[in-house]
Amino acid sequence: MAVVLSDEVRHSVAGELPWDTLTFLQECGVPESVMLSGFQHAFTLDMEPLLDGGAFRIGTVDFRWCSQSIAVQRITGHFGYVCHEPAVPPWDFCNSSVANFVTCCAIYERLREMEEQDQIAYEARAEWLEERIREIDPVVFTHDGLWMELIADIRFGVV
């Protein structure tokens, strides 16, 4: 079931986020939750301001070591993580949009299905995933973030 942005919330953040971000969240919505590499991302679309108004919370993710907010950046609409731990940088870029994050997660899930059905060689997994993610959201490879780490973990046999 998809979580969609209400008209009331959309109007409250209109002008703060790109039109395509707001349209995607209201018309397409996001899944209630997405499991990525063992971490559940729960979407609420509550749009609570974070980082002194620099981002809006759209849900949470529980990593083993801490709970973080998942958010979209004001103005750019970039998707990422907001850490509430003092020793960690407050913003961690993940994707250029929520739509791209959801699509990349679906690609990763497809890779897992292919592995289970022996449809992809163990050695080809990282390259296959990297190629698909580059097609969807090449900007993720300009940041040292989640997708680069996940592909490296796959390449070196950690995942």
N, C-alpha and C. Protein backbone atom coordinates (compact mmCIF):
# COMPACT_ATOMS: atom_id res chain seq x y z
N MET A 1 0.84 -1.18 0.00
CA MET A 1 0.00 0.00 0.00
C MET A 1 0.89 1.25 0.00
N ALA A 2 0.52 2.21 -0.79
CA ALA A 2 1.32 3.42 -0.92
C ALA A 2 0.90 4.48 0.11
N VAL A 3 1.87 5.20 0.60
CA VAL A 3 1.64 6.35 1.46
C VAL A 3 1.73 7.57 0.54
N VAL A 4 0.71 8.39 0.53
CA VAL A 4 0.70 9.56 -0.35
C VAL A 4 0.63 10.84 0.49
N LEU A 5 1.12 11.90 -0.09
CA LEU A 5 1.12 13.20 0.55
C LEU A 5 -0.27 13.81 0.46
N SER A 6 -0.78 14.25 1.58
CA SER A 6 -2.11 14.86 1.59
C SER A 6 -2.06 16.26 0.99
N ASP A 7 -3.22 16.73 0.54
CA ASP A 7 -3.31 18.10 0.00
C ASP A 7 -2.86 19.13 1.05
N GLU A 8 -3.29 18.91 2.28
CA GLU A 8 -2.95 19.85 3.36
C GLU A 8 -1.44 19.94 3.56
N VAL A 9 -0.78 18.79 3.62
CA VAL A 9 0.67 18.79 3.83
C VAL A 9 1.37 19.35 2.59
N ARG A 10 0.89 19.00 1.41
CA ARG A 10 1.50 19.53 0.19
C ARG A 10 1.46 21.06 0.18
N HIS A 11 0.34 21.63 0.54
CA HIS A 11 0.23 23.09 0.56
C HIS A 11 1.16 23.71 1.60
N SER A 12 1.38 22.98 2.71
CA SER A 12 2.25 23.53 3.76
C SER A 12 3.71 23.58 3.35
N VAL A 13 4.11 22.74 2.40
CA VAL A 13 5.52 22.74 1.95
C VAL A 13 5.68 23.22 0.51
N ALA A 14 4.59 23.66 -0.10
CA ALA A 14 4.67 24.17 -1.48
C ALA A 14 5.66 25.32 -1.53
N GLY A 15 6.48 25.32 -2.55
CA GLY A 15 7.50 26.35 -2.69
C GLY A 15 8.80 26.00 -1.97
N GLU A 16 8.76 25.02 -1.10
CA GLU A 16 9.96 24.59 -0.37
C GLU A 16 10.64 23.41 -1.05
N LEU A 17 9.89 22.65 -1.84
CA LEU A 17 10.40 21.46 -2.53
C LEU A 17 10.09 21.56 -4.01
N PRO A 18 10.90 20.90 -4.84
CA PRO A 18 10.62 20.93 -6.28
C PRO A 18 9.23 20.37 -6.60
N TRP A 19 8.65 20.91 -7.64
CA TRP A 19 7.32 20.49 -8.07
C TRP A 19 7.27 18.98 -8.33
N ASP A 20 8.30 18.42 -8.99
CA ASP A 20 8.27 16.98 -9.31
C ASP A 20 8.33 16.12 -8.06
N THR A 21 9.01 16.59 -7.01
CA THR A 21 9.03 15.84 -5.74
C THR A 21 7.65 15.82 -5.12
N LEU A 22 7.02 16.96 -5.05
CA LEU A 22 5.68 17.04 -4.46
C LEU A 22 4.67 16.23 -5.26
N THR A 23 4.75 16.32 -6.58
CA THR A 23 3.83 15.58 -7.45
C THR A 23 4.02 14.07 -7.27
N PHE A 24 5.27 13.61 -7.24
CA PHE A 24 5.53 12.19 -7.03
C PHE A 24 4.96 11.73 -5.70
N LEU A 25 5.22 12.48 -4.63
CA LEU A 25 4.77 12.06 -3.31
C LEU A 25 3.25 12.08 -3.19
N GLN A 26 2.59 12.98 -3.91
CA GLN A 26 1.13 13.05 -3.82
C GLN A 26 0.45 12.09 -4.79
N GLU A 27 0.94 11.99 -6.01
CA GLU A 27 0.25 11.17 -7.02
C GLU A 27 0.68 9.71 -7.01
N CYS A 28 1.97 9.45 -6.87
CA CYS A 28 2.47 8.07 -6.87
C CYS A 28 2.60 7.54 -5.45
N GLY A 29 3.10 8.37 -4.59
CA GLY A 29 3.34 7.96 -3.22
C GLY A 29 4.54 7.04 -3.11
N VAL A 30 4.77 6.58 -1.89
CA VAL A 30 5.88 5.69 -1.60
C VAL A 30 5.33 4.48 -0.85
N PRO A 31 6.04 3.36 -0.89
CA PRO A 31 5.58 2.21 -0.11
C PRO A 31 5.59 2.56 1.39
N GLU A 32 4.79 1.83 2.16
CA GLU A 32 4.81 2.06 3.61
C GLU A 32 6.20 1.79 4.17
N SER A 33 6.85 0.78 3.61
CA SER A 33 8.21 0.49 4.04
C SER A 33 8.97 -0.17 2.91
N VAL A 34 10.30 0.02 2.97
CA VAL A 34 11.21 -0.58 2.00
C VAL A 34 12.33 -1.21 2.81
N MET A 35 12.61 -2.48 2.55
CA MET A 35 13.74 -3.14 3.20
C MET A 35 14.92 -3.04 2.25
N LEU A 36 16.01 -2.49 2.73
CA LEU A 36 17.20 -2.36 1.92
C LEU A 36 18.39 -2.85 2.73
N SER A 37 18.99 -3.91 2.27
CA SER A 37 20.19 -4.48 2.90
C SER A 37 19.97 -4.74 4.39
N GLY A 38 18.77 -5.20 4.72
CA GLY A 38 18.47 -5.54 6.11
C GLY A 38 17.96 -4.40 6.96
N PHE A 39 17.81 -3.23 6.39
CA PHE A 39 17.34 -2.07 7.16
C PHE A 39 15.99 -1.61 6.63
N GLN A 40 15.02 -1.54 7.54
CA GLN A 40 13.68 -1.14 7.14
C GLN A 40 13.55 0.37 7.13
N HIS A 41 13.13 0.90 5.98
CA HIS A 41 12.85 2.31 5.81
C HIS A 41 11.33 2.46 5.88
N ALA A 42 10.83 3.10 6.92
CA ALA A 42 9.39 3.29 7.10
C ALA A 42 9.01 4.71 6.70
N PHE A 43 8.13 4.82 5.72
CA PHE A 43 7.73 6.13 5.20
C PHE A 43 6.45 6.62 5.89
N THR A 44 6.47 7.89 6.31
CA THR A 44 5.30 8.51 6.94
C THR A 44 4.83 9.75 6.16
N LEU A 45 5.74 10.40 5.46
CA LEU A 45 5.48 11.67 4.75
C LEU A 45 4.90 12.74 5.68
N ASP A 46 5.38 12.77 6.92
CA ASP A 46 4.89 13.78 7.87
C ASP A 46 5.46 15.17 7.60
N MET A 47 6.56 15.24 6.84
CA MET A 47 7.18 16.51 6.41
C MET A 47 7.55 17.42 7.58
N GLU A 48 7.94 16.84 8.67
CA GLU A 48 8.43 17.60 9.82
C GLU A 48 9.75 18.25 9.43
N PRO A 49 9.89 19.59 9.63
CA PRO A 49 11.16 20.24 9.27
C PRO A 49 12.32 19.72 10.12
N LEU A 50 13.45 19.50 9.46
CA LEU A 50 14.68 19.08 10.12
C LEU A 50 15.81 19.98 9.66
N LEU A 51 16.93 19.90 10.35
CA LEU A 51 18.13 20.67 9.98
C LEU A 51 17.81 22.15 9.80
N ASP A 52 17.12 22.70 10.77
CA ASP A 52 16.73 24.12 10.74
C ASP A 52 15.96 24.48 9.47
N GLY A 53 15.10 23.58 9.02
CA GLY A 53 14.29 23.82 7.83
C GLY A 53 14.97 23.45 6.53
N GLY A 54 16.17 22.88 6.59
CA GLY A 54 16.90 22.51 5.40
C GLY A 54 16.44 21.21 4.76
N ALA A 55 15.61 20.47 5.50
CA ALA A 55 15.08 19.20 4.99
C ALA A 55 13.74 18.92 5.66
N PHE A 56 13.00 17.99 5.06
CA PHE A 56 11.71 17.58 5.62
C PHE A 56 11.71 16.07 5.81
N ARG A 57 11.35 15.65 7.03
CA ARG A 57 11.31 14.22 7.34
C ARG A 57 10.19 13.56 6.56
N ILE A 58 10.50 12.41 5.97
CA ILE A 58 9.46 11.62 5.29
C ILE A 58 9.36 10.22 5.89
N GLY A 59 10.15 9.96 6.94
CA GLY A 59 10.08 8.66 7.60
C GLY A 59 11.31 8.41 8.45
N THR A 60 11.51 7.14 8.79
CA THR A 60 12.64 6.75 9.63
C THR A 60 13.26 5.46 9.10
N VAL A 61 14.49 5.24 9.49
CA VAL A 61 15.18 3.98 9.22
C VAL A 61 15.90 3.60 10.51
N ASP A 62 15.81 2.34 10.88
CA ASP A 62 16.49 1.86 12.07
C ASP A 62 17.71 1.06 11.67
N PHE A 63 18.87 1.71 11.80
CA PHE A 63 20.13 1.00 11.63
C PHE A 63 20.43 0.32 12.96
N ARG A 64 21.29 -0.64 12.96
CA ARG A 64 21.60 -1.37 14.19
C ARG A 64 22.18 -0.45 15.26
N TRP A 65 22.91 0.56 14.84
CA TRP A 65 23.61 1.41 15.78
C TRP A 65 22.84 2.68 16.14
N CYS A 66 21.83 3.05 15.34
CA CYS A 66 21.04 4.24 15.67
C CYS A 66 19.81 4.31 14.76
N SER A 67 18.88 5.13 15.16
CA SER A 67 17.70 5.41 14.34
C SER A 67 17.92 6.76 13.68
N GLN A 68 17.61 6.84 12.39
CA GLN A 68 17.78 8.09 11.66
C GLN A 68 16.48 8.46 10.95
N SER A 69 16.36 9.72 10.66
CA SER A 69 15.24 10.17 9.84
C SER A 69 15.63 10.03 8.37
N ILE A 70 14.66 9.69 7.55
CA ILE A 70 14.86 9.79 6.11
C ILE A 70 14.15 11.06 5.68
N ALA A 71 14.76 11.77 4.76
CA ALA A 71 14.27 13.13 4.48
C ALA A 71 14.53 13.53 3.04
N VAL A 72 13.87 14.59 2.64
CA VAL A 72 14.14 15.25 1.37
C VAL A 72 14.66 16.65 1.68
N GLN A 73 15.69 17.04 0.94
CA GLN A 73 16.27 18.37 1.14
C GLN A 73 15.37 19.45 0.57
N ARG A 74 15.27 20.52 1.31
CA ARG A 74 14.55 21.71 0.85
C ARG A 74 15.23 22.20 -0.43
N ILE A 75 14.50 22.71 -1.35
CA ILE A 75 14.92 23.25 -2.65
C ILE A 75 15.30 22.16 -3.65
N THR A 76 16.27 21.27 -3.32
CA THR A 76 16.75 20.27 -4.29
C THR A 76 15.85 19.04 -4.40
N GLY A 77 15.21 18.65 -3.29
CA GLY A 77 14.42 17.42 -3.28
C GLY A 77 15.27 16.16 -3.16
N HIS A 78 16.58 16.32 -2.91
CA HIS A 78 17.44 15.15 -2.74
C HIS A 78 16.99 14.32 -1.55
N PHE A 79 17.13 13.01 -1.69
CA PHE A 79 16.75 12.07 -0.64
C PHE A 79 17.98 11.67 0.15
N GLY A 80 17.85 11.59 1.47
CA GLY A 80 18.99 11.16 2.28
C GLY A 80 18.59 10.89 3.71
N TYR A 81 19.61 10.77 4.53
CA TYR A 81 19.45 10.43 5.94
C TYR A 81 19.86 11.61 6.81
N VAL A 82 19.09 11.85 7.87
CA VAL A 82 19.44 12.87 8.84
C VAL A 82 19.80 12.15 10.13
N CYS A 83 21.05 12.29 10.53
CA CYS A 83 21.53 11.62 11.73
C CYS A 83 21.38 12.54 12.92
N HIS A 84 20.96 11.97 14.02
CA HIS A 84 20.75 12.75 15.24
C HIS A 84 21.87 12.53 16.25
N GLU A 85 22.94 11.84 15.83
CA GLU A 85 24.09 11.58 16.70
C GLU A 85 25.08 12.74 16.56
N PRO A 86 25.59 13.27 17.67
CA PRO A 86 26.48 14.43 17.59
C PRO A 86 27.80 14.19 16.86
N ALA A 87 28.33 12.98 16.86
CA ALA A 87 29.64 12.72 16.25
C ALA A 87 29.56 12.41 14.76
N VAL A 88 28.35 12.43 14.19
CA VAL A 88 28.15 12.06 12.80
C VAL A 88 27.63 13.28 12.03
N PRO A 89 28.09 13.48 10.77
CA PRO A 89 27.55 14.60 9.99
C PRO A 89 26.02 14.49 9.90
N PRO A 90 25.32 15.63 9.97
CA PRO A 90 23.86 15.59 10.04
C PRO A 90 23.16 15.13 8.76
N TRP A 91 23.76 15.33 7.58
CA TRP A 91 23.10 14.96 6.32
C TRP A 91 23.95 13.95 5.57
N ASP A 92 23.31 12.86 5.14
CA ASP A 92 23.99 11.84 4.34
C ASP A 92 23.19 11.65 3.06
N PHE A 93 23.72 12.17 1.94
CA PHE A 93 23.05 12.06 0.64
C PHE A 93 22.91 10.60 0.24
N CYS A 94 21.76 10.26 -0.36
CA CYS A 94 21.54 8.90 -0.85
C CYS A 94 21.19 8.90 -2.34
N ASN A 95 20.14 9.63 -2.72
CA ASN A 95 19.69 9.69 -4.12
C ASN A 95 19.26 11.10 -4.47
N SER A 96 19.19 11.38 -5.77
CA SER A 96 18.79 12.71 -6.20
C SER A 96 17.29 12.95 -6.00
N SER A 97 16.51 11.89 -5.74
CA SER A 97 15.08 12.05 -5.47
C SER A 97 14.55 10.82 -4.74
N VAL A 98 13.39 10.97 -4.13
CA VAL A 98 12.71 9.84 -3.49
C VAL A 98 12.34 8.80 -4.54
N ALA A 99 11.87 9.26 -5.69
CA ALA A 99 11.49 8.33 -6.76
C ALA A 99 12.68 7.47 -7.16
N ASN A 100 13.85 8.08 -7.29
CA ASN A 100 15.04 7.31 -7.66
C ASN A 100 15.45 6.33 -6.56
N PHE A 101 15.28 6.72 -5.30
CA PHE A 101 15.59 5.81 -4.20
C PHE A 101 14.69 4.58 -4.28
N VAL A 102 13.40 4.79 -4.43
CA VAL A 102 12.45 3.67 -4.51
C VAL A 102 12.78 2.77 -5.70
N THR A 103 13.11 3.36 -6.83
CA THR A 103 13.45 2.59 -8.03
C THR A 103 14.74 1.80 -7.82
N CYS A 104 15.76 2.43 -7.22
CA CYS A 104 17.01 1.73 -6.95
C CYS A 104 16.80 0.57 -5.97
N CYS A 105 15.94 0.77 -4.98
CA CYS A 105 15.63 -0.32 -4.04
C CYS A 105 14.98 -1.48 -4.77
N ALA A 106 14.09 -1.19 -5.71
CA ALA A 106 13.44 -2.25 -6.50
C ALA A 106 14.47 -3.00 -7.34
N ILE A 107 15.45 -2.30 -7.87
CA ILE A 107 16.52 -2.94 -8.65
C ILE A 107 17.35 -3.85 -7.74
N TYR A 108 17.66 -3.38 -6.54
CA TYR A 108 18.42 -4.21 -5.61
C TYR A 108 17.62 -5.46 -5.23
N GLU A 109 16.33 -5.30 -5.04
CA GLU A 109 15.48 -6.46 -4.72
C GLU A 109 15.46 -7.43 -5.90
N ARG A 110 15.44 -6.92 -7.12
CA ARG A 110 15.49 -7.78 -8.31
C ARG A 110 16.80 -8.57 -8.33
N LEU A 111 17.90 -7.93 -7.97
CA LEU A 111 19.18 -8.63 -7.90
C LEU A 111 19.11 -9.78 -6.89
N ARG A 112 18.52 -9.53 -5.75
CA ARG A 112 18.39 -10.58 -4.72
C ARG A 112 17.55 -11.75 -5.25
N GLU A 113 16.47 -11.44 -5.98
CA GLU A 113 15.65 -12.50 -6.57
C GLU A 113 16.45 -13.30 -7.60
N MET A 114 17.23 -12.59 -8.41
CA MET A 114 18.06 -13.27 -9.42
C MET A 114 19.08 -14.19 -8.73
N GLU A 115 19.63 -13.75 -7.62
CA GLU A 115 20.58 -14.58 -6.87
C GLU A 115 19.90 -15.85 -6.37
N GLU A 116 18.71 -15.69 -5.77
CA GLU A 116 17.97 -16.84 -5.23
C GLU A 116 17.62 -17.85 -6.31
N GLN A 117 17.39 -17.37 -7.53
CA GLN A 117 17.00 -18.25 -8.63
C GLN A 117 18.19 -18.64 -9.51
N ASP A 118 19.40 -18.36 -9.04
CA ASP A 118 20.62 -18.68 -9.77
C ASP A 118 20.61 -18.14 -11.20
N GLN A 119 20.13 -16.91 -11.37
CA GLN A 119 20.06 -16.28 -12.68
C GLN A 119 21.21 -15.30 -12.92
N ILE A 120 22.10 -15.17 -11.94
CA ILE A 120 23.24 -14.26 -12.10
C ILE A 120 24.44 -14.88 -11.40
N ALA A 121 25.58 -14.77 -12.03
CA ALA A 121 26.81 -15.28 -11.43
C ALA A 121 27.20 -14.41 -10.24
N TYR A 122 27.74 -15.04 -9.23
CA TYR A 122 28.16 -14.35 -8.01
C TYR A 122 29.08 -13.17 -8.34
N GLU A 123 30.01 -13.40 -9.25
CA GLU A 123 31.00 -12.38 -9.60
C GLU A 123 30.40 -11.22 -10.39
N ALA A 124 29.24 -11.40 -11.00
CA ALA A 124 28.64 -10.37 -11.85
C ALA A 124 27.67 -9.45 -11.10
N ARG A 125 27.39 -9.76 -9.85
CA ARG A 125 26.35 -9.02 -9.12
C ARG A 125 26.64 -7.53 -8.99
N ALA A 126 27.83 -7.17 -8.55
CA ALA A 126 28.16 -5.75 -8.31
C ALA A 126 28.10 -4.95 -9.60
N GLU A 127 28.66 -5.49 -10.67
CA GLU A 127 28.64 -4.78 -11.96
C GLU A 127 27.21 -4.61 -12.46
N TRP A 128 26.39 -5.66 -12.33
CA TRP A 128 24.99 -5.61 -12.77
C TRP A 128 24.25 -4.50 -12.02
N LEU A 129 24.41 -4.48 -10.69
CA LEU A 129 23.73 -3.47 -9.88
C LEU A 129 24.23 -2.07 -10.21
N GLU A 130 25.53 -1.92 -10.32
CA GLU A 130 26.09 -0.60 -10.62
C GLU A 130 25.58 -0.06 -11.96
N GLU A 131 25.53 -0.91 -12.98
CA GLU A 131 25.03 -0.47 -14.28
C GLU A 131 23.60 0.02 -14.20
N ARG A 132 22.75 -0.70 -13.50
CA ARG A 132 21.34 -0.30 -13.40
C ARG A 132 21.17 0.98 -12.60
N ILE A 133 21.92 1.10 -11.52
CA ILE A 133 21.80 2.32 -10.71
C ILE A 133 22.33 3.53 -11.48
N ARG A 134 23.39 3.35 -12.25
CA ARG A 134 23.91 4.45 -13.08
C ARG A 134 22.86 4.92 -14.09
N GLU A 135 22.07 3.98 -14.62
CA GLU A 135 20.99 4.36 -15.55
C GLU A 135 19.91 5.17 -14.85
N ILE A 136 19.62 4.84 -13.62
CA ILE A 136 18.53 5.48 -12.88
C ILE A 136 18.97 6.81 -12.28
N ASP A 137 20.13 6.82 -11.61
CA ASP A 137 20.53 7.98 -10.83
C ASP A 137 22.05 8.10 -10.77
N PRO A 138 22.69 8.52 -11.87
CA PRO A 138 24.15 8.55 -11.91
C PRO A 138 24.80 9.45 -10.88
N VAL A 139 24.07 10.41 -10.37
CA VAL A 139 24.65 11.34 -9.40
C VAL A 139 25.06 10.63 -8.11
N VAL A 140 24.50 9.46 -7.80
CA VAL A 140 24.88 8.78 -6.56
C VAL A 140 26.36 8.39 -6.56
N PHE A 141 26.96 8.31 -7.74
CA PHE A 141 28.36 7.93 -7.82
C PHE A 141 29.30 9.12 -7.67
N THR A 142 28.74 10.30 -7.43
CA THR A 142 29.56 11.48 -7.14
C THR A 142 29.64 11.72 -5.64
N HIS A 143 28.95 10.91 -4.86
CA HIS A 143 28.94 11.01 -3.39
C HIS A 143 29.34 9.66 -2.82
N ASP A 144 30.05 9.69 -1.71
CA ASP A 144 30.41 8.44 -1.04
C ASP A 144 29.26 8.07 -0.11
N GLY A 145 28.24 7.43 -0.68
CA GLY A 145 27.04 7.14 0.09
C GLY A 145 26.62 5.69 0.03
N LEU A 146 25.38 5.47 0.36
CA LEU A 146 24.81 4.14 0.51
C LEU A 146 25.03 3.24 -0.69
N TRP A 147 24.74 3.70 -1.89
CA TRP A 147 24.83 2.83 -3.06
C TRP A 147 26.27 2.45 -3.38
N MET A 148 27.19 3.40 -3.24
CA MET A 148 28.60 3.06 -3.48
C MET A 148 29.10 2.06 -2.45
N GLU A 149 28.67 2.23 -1.20
CA GLU A 149 29.07 1.29 -0.14
C GLU A 149 28.48 -0.09 -0.38
N LEU A 150 27.22 -0.14 -0.77
CA LEU A 150 26.56 -1.42 -1.01
C LEU A 150 27.21 -2.16 -2.18
N ILE A 151 27.50 -1.45 -3.25
CA ILE A 151 28.15 -2.07 -4.42
C ILE A 151 29.55 -2.57 -4.04
N ALA A 152 30.28 -1.78 -3.25
CA ALA A 152 31.61 -2.22 -2.80
C ALA A 152 31.49 -3.47 -1.93
N ASP A 153 30.49 -3.50 -1.04
CA ASP A 153 30.29 -4.68 -0.19
C ASP A 153 29.98 -5.91 -1.03
N ILE A 154 29.19 -5.75 -2.07
CA ILE A 154 28.87 -6.86 -2.96
C ILE A 154 30.14 -7.29 -3.71
N ARG A 155 30.86 -6.32 -4.22
CA ARG A 155 32.08 -6.61 -5.00
C ARG A 155 33.10 -7.38 -4.16
N PHE A 156 33.21 -7.04 -2.87
CA PHE A 156 34.22 -7.67 -2.01
C PHE A 156 33.66 -8.83 -1.19
N GLY A 157 32.43 -9.25 -1.51
CA GLY A 157 31.86 -10.44 -0.89
C GLY A 157 31.32 -10.26 0.52
N VAL A 158 31.14 -9.01 0.96
CA VAL A 158 30.59 -8.76 2.29
C VAL A 158 29.09 -9.05 2.31
N VAL A 159 28.43 -8.73 1.22
CA VAL A 159 26.98 -8.95 1.10
C VAL A 159 26.74 -10.04 0.09
